[in-house]
């Protein structure tokens, strides 16, 4: 079975661990956005430029997409773990990279470029936009630092 994708490698796979965990990070951050800002606080919907029915529909589609990503990510992590190829420190880096990428994409593309929705309505948006995007930048920076450090450790281990 050596060389096949389903084979047990026994070697941590830094790149795949980062990628799979990034998928989970995107899904978790989308869930946080959906649950906290769409449902609990009621500050916005995914698409606020239509009717309330359209807003509710788009929230449901976002929720469905995040669940699909989460389930797929969990299966992919389980597969890496089964093959003993899951690099846990790399996966943590990927998780934060995915979470930060979602947050920053939502803050810049969805909020400002496409204007699908804003963080909140009827208030001065600047503090909300700064907090939203700064959170994304901090998550990305944490993910990049963890990923870089994990990659360095994997390369050192391979050189031994």
Foldseek 3Di string as FASTA:
>chain_A
DPPDPLAQDLAADLVLLLVLLLLLLLLVLLVCCLPVQCPVVVFAALADPDDPVVSVVRSVVSNVVSVVSNVVSVVSQVSCVVSNHNLVLSNQLSNLLNNLVNQQCCLPCSCPVVNRDASGPDDPRVVVSCVSNVSSVVSNVSSVVSSVVSVVVSVVVVVD
